[in-house]
Amino acid sequence: MFSGSGIIRIYAGKSGRPFAERMCAYLGAQLGDSETIEFSEGNLFVRVNESIRDKDVFIVQPIARHPNDEFTELLFWIDAFKRSSANSVTAIIPYFSYAKGDKKDEPRVSIRARVVADCLEAVGVDRIIFMDLHAAQIQGFFKKPVDHLLALPLLCEYVRRSGIVNEDLVVVSPDAGSAKRAHEYAKQLGCPVAIGDKTRYDHSENAKVLNIIGDVEGKNCLVVDDFSISGGTMIDVALGLKARGAKHIYGALSHNCMNEKALKRFDDSPYEFIVTTDTVECPEAKAHPKIKIISAAPMFAQAVKIIHDKAPMSTLFDQRISKRMMDMSLAKQLTLLDEQ
């Protein structure tokens, strides 16, 4: 299906352009010529401005801060590529907001992630690349190949270079659902784990952290999660850790979906820094003194190169290759981060 020859063709949806440009910069490639037009009533129009016949194309579009528009636009892009006789279409979705809808846990509700999977396959997608899905089993919703990238190596490397890894560091999961993720961080960083006991009573995006399971008194804590929208859970956990005698508190998020109002909540919070990726374009976060952003674009770019060259995707997860890639990525980014 994938020809693996010729120029790598990367295109971008409206919200995916900055991330796609960073991918192209890493690869030394040129972003494909395309355009999205939004009419006054909200109707979307997409167009490819060059021939892609028999080409393997990659379309970058997070489903993030405007998920309905972004998802609809992605469907139109896949359809446009297919109708333009592309050999294959890979959807690069750095952040997949509807991953939260992975199960039917209430009466008469939709399994939204499955609906999205069905729609993407109906319009002809050939492959999908995600990063840190809210629930990894969502890969099983797709009949087409899914590549699930992990932010953990990149975020852990930043944490190591920040100098906070020592015998006093504890990795903290904000709830039981993220415990497996916390254990992976702890394994990489060589430290113990504590778990927050979080309860969510409704869909108001406000959860309550009731307890902390584990020894945090006199410890430095790294709170890890896959995403944050309101910042409420992250701050509740930090306050709970402080109340139980924790010293310094840091955070690591795979995706940052917070708006300016949510980010302001961190101004007076106990966090000293929160490191996250750029899978969601968040201009407000770049100006926040406590938010440190590492680009995941090089990792996605490397995945594209592997697919294009028809090499095994497992090479991306080889520790030695991954470490070299992280060094290349971070060497270009740490200076920028220090200026934030």
C-alpha atoms as a PDB file:
ATOM      1  CA  MET A   1       0.000   0.000   0.000  1.00  0.00           C
ATOM      2  CA  PHE A   2       2.784   2.449   0.920  1.00  0.00           C
ATOM      3  CA  SER A   3       5.144   3.032  -2.000  1.00  0.00           C
ATOM      4  CA  GLY A   4       8.053   4.285   0.129  1.00  0.00           C
ATOM      5  CA  SER A   5       9.596   6.279  -2.712  1.00  0.00           C
ATOM      6  CA  GLY A   6       9.847   9.902  -3.725  1.00  0.00           C
ATOM      7  CA  ILE A   7       9.252  13.058  -1.702  1.00  0.00           C
ATOM      8  CA  ILE A   8       7.468  12.836   1.655  1.00  0.00           C
ATOM      9  CA  ARG A   9       4.122  14.601   1.213  1.00  0.00           C
ATOM     10  CA  ILE A  10       2.925  16.202   4.455  1.00  0.00           C
ATOM     11  CA  TYR A  11      -0.206  18.357   4.504  1.00  0.00           C
ATOM     12  CA  ALA A  12      -1.964  20.167   7.320  1.00  0.00           C
ATOM     13  CA  GLY A  13      -5.458  21.018   8.407  1.00  0.00           C
ATOM     14  CA  LYS A  14      -6.242  24.462   9.741  1.00  0.00           C
ATOM     15  CA  SER A  15      -5.256  23.726  13.352  1.00  0.00           C
ATOM     16  CA  GLY A  16      -2.471  21.315  12.427  1.00  0.00           C
ATOM     17  CA  ARG A  17      -0.329  23.698  10.385  1.00  0.00           C
ATOM     18  CA  PRO A  18       2.108  24.845  13.144  1.00  0.00           C
ATOM     19  CA  PHE A  19       2.779  21.243  14.210  1.00  0.00           C
ATOM     20  CA  ALA A  20       3.141  20.102  10.587  1.00  0.00           C
ATOM     21  CA  GLU A  21       5.606  22.919   9.909  1.00  0.00           C
ATOM     22  CA  ARG A  22       7.742  21.741  12.836  1.00  0.00           C
ATOM     23  CA  MET A  23       7.623  18.185  11.458  1.00  0.00           C
ATOM     24  CA  CYS A  24       8.736  19.414   8.043  1.00  0.00           C
ATOM     25  CA  ALA A  25      11.560  21.455   9.582  1.00  0.00           C
ATOM     26  CA  TYR A  26      12.854  18.316  11.286  1.00  0.00           C
ATOM     27  CA  LEU A  27      12.662  16.295   8.056  1.00  0.00           C
ATOM     28  CA  GLY A  28      13.962  19.042   5.797  1.00  0.00           C
ATOM     29  CA  ALA A  29      10.747  18.682   3.785  1.00  0.00           C
ATOM     30  CA  GLN A  30       8.330  21.238   2.390  1.00  0.00           C
ATOM     31  CA  LEU A  31       4.755  21.425   3.646  1.00  0.00           C
ATOM     32  CA  GLY A  32       2.282  20.467   0.931  1.00  0.00           C
ATOM     33  CA  ASP A  33       0.357  23.174  -0.905  1.00  0.00           C
ATOM     34  CA  SER A  34      -3.243  23.114   0.319  1.00  0.00           C
ATOM     35  CA  GLU A  35      -5.836  25.425   1.790  1.00  0.00           C
ATOM     36  CA  THR A  36      -8.851  25.440   4.087  1.00  0.00           C
ATOM     37  CA  ILE A  37     -11.586  28.025   3.644  1.00  0.00           C
ATOM     38  CA  GLU A  38     -14.269  28.634   6.260  1.00  0.00           C
ATOM     39  CA  PHE A  39     -17.361  30.380   4.941  1.00  0.00           C
ATOM     40  CA  SER A  40     -19.403  32.864   6.967  1.00  0.00           C
ATOM     41  CA  GLU A  41     -21.922  30.284   8.166  1.00  0.00           C
ATOM     42  CA  GLY A  42     -19.159  27.887   9.285  1.00  0.00           C
ATOM     43  CA  ASN A  43     -19.121  25.675   6.196  1.00  0.00           C
ATOM     44  CA  LEU A  44     -15.649  24.227   5.494  1.00  0.00           C
ATOM     45  CA  PHE A  45     -13.980  23.865   2.098  1.00  0.00           C
ATOM     46  CA  VAL A  46     -10.627  22.099   1.570  1.00  0.00           C
ATOM     47  CA  ARG A  47      -8.462  21.929  -1.535  1.00  0.00           C
ATOM     48  CA  VAL A  48      -5.139  20.344  -2.529  1.00  0.00           C
ATOM     49  CA  ASN A  49      -3.267  22.704  -4.852  1.00  0.00           C
ATOM     50  CA  GLU A  50      -0.904  20.169  -6.423  1.00  0.00           C
ATOM     51  CA  SER A  51      -1.022  16.698  -7.942  1.00  0.00           C
ATOM     52  CA  ILE A  52      -0.822  13.804  -5.495  1.00  0.00           C
ATOM     53  CA  ARG A  53      -1.667  10.985  -7.870  1.00  0.00           C
ATOM     54  CA  ASP A  54      -0.143   7.696  -6.660  1.00  0.00           C
ATOM     55  CA  LYS A  55       1.554   9.482  -3.742  1.00  0.00           C
ATOM     56  CA  ASP A  56       1.571   8.471  -0.070  1.00  0.00           C
ATOM     57  CA  VAL A  57       0.283  11.503   1.796  1.00  0.00           C
ATOM     58  CA  PHE A  58       0.190  12.434   5.480  1.00  0.00           C
ATOM     59  CA  ILE A  59      -2.401  14.865   6.856  1.00  0.00           C
ATOM     60  CA  VAL A  60      -1.752  16.517  10.238  1.00  0.00           C
ATOM     61  CA  GLN A  61      -4.800  17.568  12.241  1.00  0.00           C
ATOM     62  CA  PRO A  62      -5.180  17.485  16.043  1.00  0.00           C
ATOM     63  CA  ILE A  63      -8.726  16.915  17.281  1.00  0.00           C
ATOM     64  CA  ALA A  64      -8.322  19.237  20.213  1.00  0.00           C
ATOM     65  CA  ARG A  65      -9.660  22.654  21.201  1.00  0.00           C
ATOM     66  CA  HIS A  66     -12.333  22.783  18.470  1.00  0.00           C
ATOM     67  CA  PRO A  67     -12.925  19.046  18.079  1.00  0.00           C
ATOM     68  CA  ASN A  68     -16.091  19.085  15.982  1.00  0.00           C
ATOM     69  CA  ASP A  69     -14.717  21.466  13.336  1.00  0.00           C
ATOM     70  CA  GLU A  70     -11.297  19.799  13.364  1.00  0.00           C
ATOM     71  CA  PHE A  71     -12.744  16.318  12.991  1.00  0.00           C
ATOM     72  CA  THR A  72     -15.076  17.368  10.176  1.00  0.00           C
ATOM     73  CA  GLU A  73     -12.219  19.076   8.353  1.00  0.00           C
ATOM     74  CA  LEU A  74     -10.083  15.935   8.704  1.00  0.00           C
ATOM     75  CA  LEU A  75     -12.827  13.850   7.077  1.00  0.00           C
ATOM     76  CA  PHE A  76     -12.968  16.302   4.168  1.00  0.00           C
ATOM     77  CA  TRP A  77      -9.184  16.154   3.752  1.00  0.00           C
ATOM     78  CA  ILE A  78      -9.100  12.369   3.615  1.00  0.00           C
ATOM     79  CA  ASP A  79     -11.933  12.400   1.067  1.00  0.00           C
ATOM     80  CA  ALA A  80     -10.142  15.044  -1.025  1.00  0.00           C
ATOM     81  CA  PHE A  81      -6.910  13.023  -1.075  1.00  0.00           C
ATOM     82  CA  LYS A  82      -8.718   9.840  -2.017  1.00  0.00           C
ATOM     83  CA  ARG A  83     -10.619  11.603  -4.818  1.00  0.00           C
ATOM     84  CA  SER A  84      -7.270  12.972  -6.028  1.00  0.00           C
ATOM     85  CA  SER A  85      -5.984   9.402  -6.523  1.00  0.00           C
ATOM     86  CA  ALA A  86      -3.515   9.379  -3.612  1.00  0.00           C
ATOM     87  CA  ASN A  87      -1.927   5.978  -3.161  1.00  0.00           C
ATOM     88  CA  SER A  88      -2.463   6.088   0.613  1.00  0.00           C
ATOM     89  CA  VAL A  89      -3.584   8.550   3.278  1.00  0.00           C
ATOM     90  CA  THR A  90      -2.188   8.553   6.828  1.00  0.00           C
ATOM     91  CA  ALA A  91      -3.993  10.701   9.376  1.00  0.00           C
ATOM     92  CA  ILE A  92      -1.644  12.183  11.977  1.00  0.00           C
ATOM     93  CA  ILE A  93      -3.747  13.105  15.012  1.00  0.00           C
ATOM     94  CA  PRO A  94      -1.303  14.304  17.704  1.00  0.00           C
ATOM     95  CA  TYR A  95      -4.129  14.742  20.227  1.00  0.00           C
ATOM     96  CA  PHE A  96      -7.432  12.865  19.972  1.00  0.00           C
ATOM     97  CA  SER A  97      -9.986  14.603  22.182  1.00  0.00           C
ATOM     98  CA  TYR A  98     -12.739  12.039  21.622  1.00  0.00           C
ATOM     99  CA  ALA A  99     -10.538   9.334  23.135  1.00  0.00           C
ATOM    100  CA  LYS A 100     -12.302  10.224  26.388  1.00  0.00           C
ATOM    101  CA  GLY A 101     -15.450   8.629  24.935  1.00  0.00           C
ATOM    102  CA  ASP A 102     -14.056   5.091  24.933  1.00  0.00           C
ATOM    103  CA  LYS A 103     -16.843   3.192  26.727  1.00  0.00           C
ATOM    104  CA  LYS A 104     -20.551   3.085  27.544  1.00  0.00           C
ATOM    105  CA  ASP A 105     -20.426   3.756  31.285  1.00  0.00           C
ATOM    106  CA  GLU A 106     -23.863   5.386  31.507  1.00  0.00           C
ATOM    107  CA  PRO A 107     -27.252   4.454  30.036  1.00  0.00           C
ATOM    108  CA  ARG A 108     -28.122   5.760  26.565  1.00  0.00           C
ATOM    109  CA  VAL A 109     -24.765   7.356  25.659  1.00  0.00           C
ATOM    110  CA  SER A 110     -22.575   7.168  22.574  1.00  0.00           C
ATOM    111  CA  ILE A 111     -19.156   5.497  22.437  1.00  0.00           C
ATOM    112  CA  ARG A 112     -17.789   8.546  20.663  1.00  0.00           C
ATOM    113  CA  ALA A 113     -14.272   7.281  19.962  1.00  0.00           C
ATOM    114  CA  ARG A 114     -15.731   4.285  18.115  1.00  0.00           C
ATOM    115  CA  VAL A 115     -17.971   6.575  16.030  1.00  0.00           C
ATOM    116  CA  VAL A 116     -14.923   8.636  15.047  1.00  0.00           C
ATOM    117  CA  ALA A 117     -13.039   5.464  14.099  1.00  0.00           C
ATOM    118  CA  ASP A 118     -15.909   4.310  11.896  1.00  0.00           C
ATOM    119  CA  CYS A 119     -16.112   7.705  10.164  1.00  0.00           C
ATOM    120  CA  LEU A 120     -12.367   7.898   9.442  1.00  0.00           C
ATOM    121  CA  GLU A 121     -12.388   4.432   7.913  1.00  0.00           C
ATOM    122  CA  ALA A 122     -15.580   5.157   5.942  1.00  0.00           C
ATOM    123  CA  VAL A 123     -13.896   8.050   4.097  1.00  0.00           C
ATOM    124  CA  GLY A 124     -10.864   5.895   3.299  1.00  0.00           C
ATOM    125  CA  VAL A 125      -8.055   6.511   5.792  1.00  0.00           C
ATOM    126  CA  ASP A 126      -5.273   3.920   5.443  1.00  0.00           C
ATOM    127  CA  ARG A 127      -3.358   4.483   8.670  1.00  0.00           C
ATOM    128  CA  ILE A 128      -3.577   6.627  11.815  1.00  0.00           C
ATOM    129  CA  ILE A 129      -0.853   7.954  14.128  1.00  0.00           C
ATOM    130  CA  PHE A 130      -1.775   9.087  17.652  1.00  0.00           C
ATOM    131  CA  MET A 131       0.148  10.077  20.756  1.00  0.00           C
ATOM    132  CA  ASP A 132      -0.834   8.985  24.278  1.00  0.00           C
ATOM    133  CA  LEU A 133      -4.448   8.022  23.805  1.00  0.00           C
ATOM    134  CA  HIS A 134      -6.574   8.444  26.919  1.00  0.00           C
ATOM    135  CA  ALA A 135      -7.200   4.696  26.717  1.00  0.00           C
ATOM    136  CA  ALA A 136      -4.754   2.572  24.720  1.00  0.00           C
ATOM    137  CA  GLN A 137      -7.433   0.002  23.849  1.00  0.00           C
ATOM    138  CA  ILE A 138      -8.969   2.564  21.466  1.00  0.00           C
ATOM    139  CA  GLN A 139      -6.495   1.192  18.925  1.00  0.00           C
ATOM    140  CA  GLY A 140      -8.818  -1.809  18.768  1.00  0.00           C
ATOM    141  CA  PHE A 141     -11.666   0.370  17.493  1.00  0.00           C
ATOM    142  CA  PHE A 142      -9.842   0.610  14.148  1.00  0.00           C
ATOM    143  CA  LYS A 143      -9.507  -2.057  11.471  1.00  0.00           C
ATOM    144  CA  LYS A 144      -6.723  -0.029   9.836  1.00  0.00           C
ATOM    145  CA  PRO A 145      -3.176   0.097  11.292  1.00  0.00           C
ATOM    146  CA  VAL A 146      -2.734   2.435  14.267  1.00  0.00           C
ATOM    147  CA  ASP A 147       0.632   3.687  15.524  1.00  0.00           C
ATOM    148  CA  HIS A 148       0.497   4.804  19.148  1.00  0.00           C
ATOM    149  CA  LEU A 149       3.427   7.075  20.041  1.00  0.00           C
ATOM    150  CA  LEU A 150       4.385   7.850  23.631  1.00  0.00           C
ATOM    151  CA  ALA A 151       5.356  11.218  25.096  1.00  0.00           C
ATOM    152  CA  LEU A 152       6.970   9.529  28.105  1.00  0.00           C
ATOM    153  CA  PRO A 153      10.568   9.280  26.742  1.00  0.00           C
ATOM    154  CA  LEU A 154      10.579  12.952  25.768  1.00  0.00           C
ATOM    155  CA  LEU A 155       9.059  14.198  29.031  1.00  0.00           C
ATOM    156  CA  CYS A 156      11.279  11.965  31.163  1.00  0.00           C
ATOM    157  CA  GLU A 157      14.354  13.269  29.386  1.00  0.00           C
ATOM    158  CA  TYR A 158      13.339  16.828  30.225  1.00  0.00           C
ATOM    159  CA  VAL A 159      12.735  15.850  33.863  1.00  0.00           C
ATOM    160  CA  ARG A 160      16.187  14.248  34.070  1.00  0.00           C
ATOM    161  CA  ARG A 161      17.879  17.305  32.601  1.00  0.00           C
ATOM    162  CA  SER A 162      15.995  19.596  34.974  1.00  0.00           C
ATOM    163  CA  GLY A 163      17.988  18.069  37.854  1.00  0.00           C
ATOM    164  CA  ILE A 164      15.008  17.057  40.042  1.00  0.00           C
ATOM    165  CA  VAL A 165      15.554  13.293  39.863  1.00  0.00           C
ATOM    166  CA  ASN A 166      16.933  12.085  43.198  1.00  0.00           C
ATOM    167  CA  GLU A 167      16.076   9.760  46.085  1.00  0.00           C
ATOM    168  CA  ASP A 168      13.359  12.163  47.276  1.00  0.00           C
ATOM    169  CA  LEU A 169      11.346  12.147  44.030  1.00  0.00           C
ATOM    170  CA  VAL A 170       7.957  10.398  43.913  1.00  0.00           C
ATOM    171  CA  VAL A 171       5.839  10.026  40.771  1.00  0.00           C
ATOM    172  CA  VAL A 172       2.180  10.764  41.509  1.00  0.00           C
ATOM    173  CA  SER A 173      -0.838   9.604  39.522  1.00  0.00           C
ATOM    174  CA  PRO A 174      -3.893  11.872  39.991  1.00  0.00           C
ATOM    175  CA  ASP A 175      -6.202   8.831  39.955  1.00  0.00           C
ATOM    176  CA  ALA A 176      -6.232   5.044  39.728  1.00  0.00           C
ATOM    177  CA  GLY A 177      -6.885   5.192  35.982  1.00  0.00           C
ATOM    178  CA  SER A 178      -3.490   6.793  35.384  1.00  0.00           C
ATOM    179  CA  ALA A 179      -1.623   4.450  37.742  1.00  0.00           C
ATOM    180  CA  LYS A 180      -0.120   2.388  34.916  1.00  0.00           C
ATOM    181  CA  ARG A 181       1.235   5.558  33.298  1.00  0.00           C
ATOM    182  CA  ALA A 182       2.722   6.663  36.634  1.00  0.00           C
ATOM    183  CA  HIS A 183       4.437   3.289  37.064  1.00  0.00           C
ATOM    184  CA  GLU A 184       6.024   3.656  33.610  1.00  0.00           C
ATOM    185  CA  TYR A 185       7.370   7.090  34.565  1.00  0.00           C
ATOM    186  CA  ALA A 186       8.625   5.711  37.870  1.00  0.00           C
ATOM    187  CA  LYS A 187      10.368   2.855  36.085  1.00  0.00           C
ATOM    188  CA  GLN A 188      12.127   5.275  33.730  1.00  0.00           C
ATOM    189  CA  LEU A 189      13.119   7.659  36.520  1.00  0.00           C
ATOM    190  CA  GLY A 190      13.884   5.050  39.191  1.00  0.00           C
ATOM    191  CA  CYS A 191      11.540   6.302  41.899  1.00  0.00           C
ATOM    192  CA  PRO A 192       8.413   5.188  43.840  1.00  0.00           C
ATOM    193  CA  VAL A 193       4.753   5.898  43.036  1.00  0.00           C
ATOM    194  CA  ALA A 194       1.843   7.500  44.892  1.00  0.00           C
ATOM    195  CA  ILE A 195      -1.769   7.524  43.647  1.00  0.00           C
ATOM    196  CA  GLY A 196      -4.527  10.073  44.092  1.00  0.00           C
ATOM    197  CA  ASP A 197      -8.056   8.928  44.889  1.00  0.00           C
ATOM    198  CA  LYS A 198     -10.163  11.026  42.499  1.00  0.00           C
ATOM    199  CA  THR A 199     -13.948  11.063  42.181  1.00  0.00           C
ATOM    200  CA  ARG A 200     -15.916  12.635  39.321  1.00  0.00           C
ATOM    201  CA  TYR A 201     -19.587  13.264  40.077  1.00  0.00           C
ATOM    202  CA  ASP A 202     -20.724  14.721  36.731  1.00  0.00           C
ATOM    203  CA  HIS A 203     -19.509  16.107  33.376  1.00  0.00           C
ATOM    204  CA  SER A 204     -18.593  19.562  34.682  1.00  0.00           C
ATOM    205  CA  GLU A 205     -14.827  18.898  34.118  1.00  0.00           C
ATOM    206  CA  ASN A 206     -14.336  19.261  37.882  1.00  0.00           C
ATOM    207  CA  ALA A 207     -13.176  16.202  39.784  1.00  0.00           C
ATOM    208  CA  LYS A 208     -12.412  15.948  43.506  1.00  0.00           C
ATOM    209  CA  VAL A 209      -9.230  14.374  44.832  1.00  0.00           C
ATOM    210  CA  LEU A 210     -10.191  12.734  48.118  1.00  0.00           C
ATOM    211  CA  ASN A 211      -6.975  11.087  49.269  1.00  0.00           C
ATOM    212  CA  ILE A 212      -3.346  10.336  48.407  1.00  0.00           C
ATOM    213  CA  ILE A 213      -2.235   6.707  48.589  1.00  0.00           C
ATOM    214  CA  GLY A 214       1.488   6.477  49.264  1.00  0.00           C
ATOM    215  CA  ASP A 215       4.257   8.182  51.254  1.00  0.00           C
ATOM    216  CA  VAL A 216       4.791  11.778  50.122  1.00  0.00           C
ATOM    217  CA  GLU A 217       5.783  13.490  53.372  1.00  0.00           C
ATOM    218  CA  GLY A 218       9.107  15.285  52.922  1.00  0.00           C
ATOM    219  CA  LYS A 219       9.237  14.171  49.272  1.00  0.00           C
ATOM    220  CA  ASN A 220       9.420  15.985  45.953  1.00  0.00           C
ATOM    221  CA  CYS A 221       6.522  14.995  43.684  1.00  0.00           C
ATOM    222  CA  LEU A 222       6.099  14.722  39.909  1.00  0.00           C
ATOM    223  CA  VAL A 223       2.385  14.612  39.013  1.00  0.00           C
ATOM    224  CA  VAL A 224       1.839  12.887  35.638  1.00  0.00           C
ATOM    225  CA  ASP A 225      -1.278  12.720  33.471  1.00  0.00           C
ATOM    226  CA  ASP A 226      -2.208  12.441  29.810  1.00  0.00           C
ATOM    227  CA  PHE A 227      -4.021  15.793  29.500  1.00  0.00           C
ATOM    228  CA  SER A 228      -5.579  18.669  31.397  1.00  0.00           C
ATOM    229  CA  ILE A 229      -8.464  20.911  30.314  1.00  0.00           C
ATOM    230  CA  SER A 230      -9.465  22.965  33.363  1.00  0.00           C
ATOM    231  CA  GLY A 231      -6.354  22.296  35.465  1.00  0.00           C
ATOM    232  CA  GLY A 232      -8.616  21.422  38.399  1.00  0.00           C
ATOM    233  CA  THR A 233      -7.422  17.880  39.020  1.00  0.00           C
ATOM    234  CA  MET A 234      -3.748  18.813  38.716  1.00  0.00           C
ATOM    235  CA  ILE A 235      -4.130  21.628  41.243  1.00  0.00           C
ATOM    236  CA  ASP A 236      -6.264  19.557  43.639  1.00  0.00           C
ATOM    237  CA  VAL A 237      -3.600  16.854  43.645  1.00  0.00           C
ATOM    238  CA  ALA A 238      -0.858  19.424  44.289  1.00  0.00           C
ATOM    239  CA  LEU A 239      -2.779  20.947  47.191  1.00  0.00           C
ATOM    240  CA  GLY A 240      -3.401  17.478  48.601  1.00  0.00           C
ATOM    241  CA  LEU A 241       0.300  16.659  48.357  1.00  0.00           C
ATOM    242  CA  LYS A 242       1.230  19.892  50.121  1.00  0.00           C
ATOM    243  CA  ALA A 243      -1.274  19.150  52.887  1.00  0.00           C
ATOM    244  CA  ARG A 244       0.459  15.804  53.397  1.00  0.00           C
ATOM    245  CA  GLY A 245       3.913  17.330  53.743  1.00  0.00           C
ATOM    246  CA  ALA A 246       5.311  17.197  50.201  1.00  0.00           C
ATOM    247  CA  LYS A 247       8.136  19.648  49.435  1.00  0.00           C
ATOM    248  CA  HIS A 248       8.593  20.585  45.760  1.00  0.00           C
ATOM    249  CA  ILE A 249       5.896  19.750  43.205  1.00  0.00           C
ATOM    250  CA  TYR A 250       6.292  19.413  39.441  1.00  0.00           C
ATOM    251  CA  GLY A 251       4.033  18.195  36.648  1.00  0.00           C
ATOM    252  CA  ALA A 252       4.260  16.333  33.338  1.00  0.00           C
ATOM    253  CA  LEU A 253       1.399  16.305  30.814  1.00  0.00           C
ATOM    254  CA  SER A 254       1.330  14.524  27.471  1.00  0.00           C
ATOM    255  CA  HIS A 255      -1.115  17.116  26.099  1.00  0.00           C
ATOM    256  CA  ASN A 256      -1.997  20.626  27.232  1.00  0.00           C
ATOM    257  CA  CYS A 257      -5.588  21.605  26.367  1.00  0.00           C
ATOM    258  CA  MET A 258      -5.906  24.477  28.844  1.00  0.00           C
ATOM    259  CA  ASN A 259      -7.148  27.912  27.868  1.00  0.00           C
ATOM    260  CA  GLU A 260      -5.991  31.209  29.369  1.00  0.00           C
ATOM    261  CA  LYS A 261      -8.494  31.021  32.244  1.00  0.00           C
ATOM    262  CA  ALA A 262      -7.363  27.530  33.194  1.00  0.00           C
ATOM    263  CA  LEU A 263      -3.694  28.478  32.974  1.00  0.00           C
ATOM    264  CA  LYS A 264      -4.208  31.395  35.372  1.00  0.00           C
ATOM    265  CA  ARG A 265      -5.151  28.883  38.051  1.00  0.00           C
ATOM    266  CA  PHE A 266      -1.531  27.753  38.076  1.00  0.00           C
ATOM    267  CA  ASP A 267      -0.168  31.218  38.901  1.00  0.00           C
ATOM    268  CA  ASP A 268      -0.504  30.689  42.655  1.00  0.00           C
ATOM    269  CA  SER A 269      -0.442  26.893  42.597  1.00  0.00           C
ATOM    270  CA  PRO A 270       2.287  24.828  44.304  1.00  0.00           C
ATOM    271  CA  TYR A 271       3.759  23.763  40.952  1.00  0.00           C
ATOM    272  CA  GLU A 272       7.280  24.904  40.159  1.00  0.00           C
ATOM    273  CA  PHE A 273       6.974  23.795  36.534  1.00  0.00           C
ATOM    274  CA  ILE A 274       4.784  21.640  34.303  1.00  0.00           C
ATOM    275  CA  VAL A 275       6.422  20.142  31.225  1.00  0.00           C
ATOM    276  CA  THR A 276       4.174  19.237  28.321  1.00  0.00           C
ATOM    277  CA  THR A 277       4.257  18.763  24.557  1.00  0.00           C
ATOM    278  CA  ASP A 278       3.044  20.858  21.640  1.00  0.00           C
ATOM    279  CA  THR A 279       0.483  18.338  20.340  1.00  0.00           C
ATOM    280  CA  VAL A 280      -2.179  21.010  20.963  1.00  0.00           C
ATOM    281  CA  GLU A 281      -1.444  24.518  19.750  1.00  0.00           C
ATOM    282  CA  CYS A 282      -1.778  26.646  22.893  1.00  0.00           C
ATOM    283  CA  PRO A 283      -0.349  30.167  22.465  1.00  0.00           C
ATOM    284  CA  GLU A 284      -1.393  31.124  26.010  1.00  0.00           C
ATOM    285  CA  ALA A 285       0.827  28.407  27.497  1.00  0.00           C
ATOM    286  CA  LYS A 286       3.965  29.706  25.782  1.00  0.00           C
ATOM    287  CA  ALA A 287       3.803  32.887  27.848  1.00  0.00           C
ATOM    288  CA  HIS A 288       3.124  31.155  31.167  1.00  0.00           C
ATOM    289  CA  PRO A 289       6.208  31.073  33.421  1.00  0.00           C
ATOM    290  CA  LYS A 290       5.404  27.628  34.858  1.00  0.00           C
ATOM    291  CA  ILE A 291       4.642  25.831  31.581  1.00  0.00           C
ATOM    292  CA  LYS A 292       7.573  24.293  29.693  1.00  0.00           C
ATOM    293  CA  ILE A 293       6.839  23.006  26.195  1.00  0.00           C
ATOM    294  CA  ILE A 294       8.825  20.293  24.406  1.00  0.00           C
ATOM    295  CA  SER A 295       7.980  19.585  20.770  1.00  0.00           C
ATOM    296  CA  ALA A 296       6.717  16.124  19.884  1.00  0.00           C
ATOM    297  CA  ALA A 297       6.957  17.008  16.184  1.00  0.00           C
ATOM    298  CA  PRO A 298      10.363  15.306  15.712  1.00  0.00           C
ATOM    299  CA  MET A 299       8.930  12.033  17.032  1.00  0.00           C
ATOM    300  CA  PHE A 300       5.991  12.202  14.618  1.00  0.00           C
ATOM    301  CA  ALA A 301       8.349  13.206  11.818  1.00  0.00           C
ATOM    302  CA  GLN A 302      10.500  10.187  12.511  1.00  0.00           C
ATOM    303  CA  ALA A 303       7.395   7.972  12.441  1.00  0.00           C
ATOM    304  CA  VAL A 304       6.485   9.423   9.038  1.00  0.00           C
ATOM    305  CA  LYS A 305       9.980   8.705   7.719  1.00  0.00           C
ATOM    306  CA  ILE A 306       9.810   5.123   8.988  1.00  0.00           C
ATOM    307  CA  ILE A 307       6.438   4.554   7.304  1.00  0.00           C
ATOM    308  CA  HIS A 308       7.589   6.239   4.094  1.00  0.00           C
ATOM    309  CA  ASP A 309      10.749   4.097   3.994  1.00  0.00           C
ATOM    310  CA  LYS A 310       8.733   0.948   4.764  1.00  0.00           C
ATOM    311  CA  ALA A 311      10.899   0.269   7.817  1.00  0.00           C
ATOM    312  CA  PRO A 312       9.614  -1.431  10.997  1.00  0.00           C
ATOM    313  CA  MET A 313       7.850   1.026  13.312  1.00  0.00           C
ATOM    314  CA  SER A 314       9.396  -0.864  16.232  1.00  0.00           C
ATOM    315  CA  THR A 315      12.680   0.901  15.466  1.00  0.00           C
ATOM    316  CA  LEU A 316      11.117   4.116  16.801  1.00  0.00           C
ATOM    317  CA  PHE A 317      10.842   2.471  20.219  1.00  0.00           C
ATOM    318  CA  ASP A 318      14.382   1.071  20.245  1.00  0.00           C
ATOM    319  CA  GLN A 319      15.988   2.685  23.297  1.00  0.00           C
ATOM    320  CA  ARG A 320      19.236   3.629  21.583  1.00  0.00           C
ATOM    321  CA  ILE A 321      17.602   5.091  18.481  1.00  0.00           C
ATOM    322  CA  SER A 322      14.976   6.828  20.607  1.00  0.00           C
ATOM    323  CA  LYS A 323      17.663   8.353  22.846  1.00  0.00           C
ATOM    324  CA  ARG A 324      19.581   9.741  19.854  1.00  0.00           C
ATOM    325  CA  MET A 325      16.395  11.210  18.432  1.00  0.00           C
ATOM    326  CA  MET A 326      15.516  12.790  21.767  1.00  0.00           C
ATOM    327  CA  ASP A 327      18.994  14.294  22.023  1.00  0.00           C
ATOM    328  CA  MET A 328      18.644  15.825  18.563  1.00  0.00           C
ATOM    329  CA  SER A 329      15.212  17.155  19.431  1.00  0.00           C
ATOM    330  CA  LEU A 330      16.061  18.497  22.858  1.00  0.00           C
ATOM    331  CA  ALA A 331      19.351  20.053  21.805  1.00  0.00           C
ATOM    332  CA  LYS A 332      17.359  22.435  19.599  1.00  0.00           C
ATOM    333  CA  GLN A 333      14.650  23.065  22.172  1.00  0.00           C
ATOM    334  CA  LEU A 334      16.221  23.432  25.606  1.00  0.00           C
ATOM    335  CA  THR A 335      17.583  26.888  24.813  1.00  0.00           C
ATOM    336  CA  LEU A 336      14.116  28.034  23.786  1.00  0.00           C
ATOM    337  CA  LEU A 337      12.603  26.499  26.913  1.00  0.00           C
ATOM    338  CA  ASP A 338      15.073  28.323  29.129  1.00  0.00           C
ATOM    339  CA  GLU A 339      13.876  31.585  27.604  1.00  0.00           C
ATOM    340  CA  GLN A 340      10.233  30.945  28.496  1.00  0.00           C
END
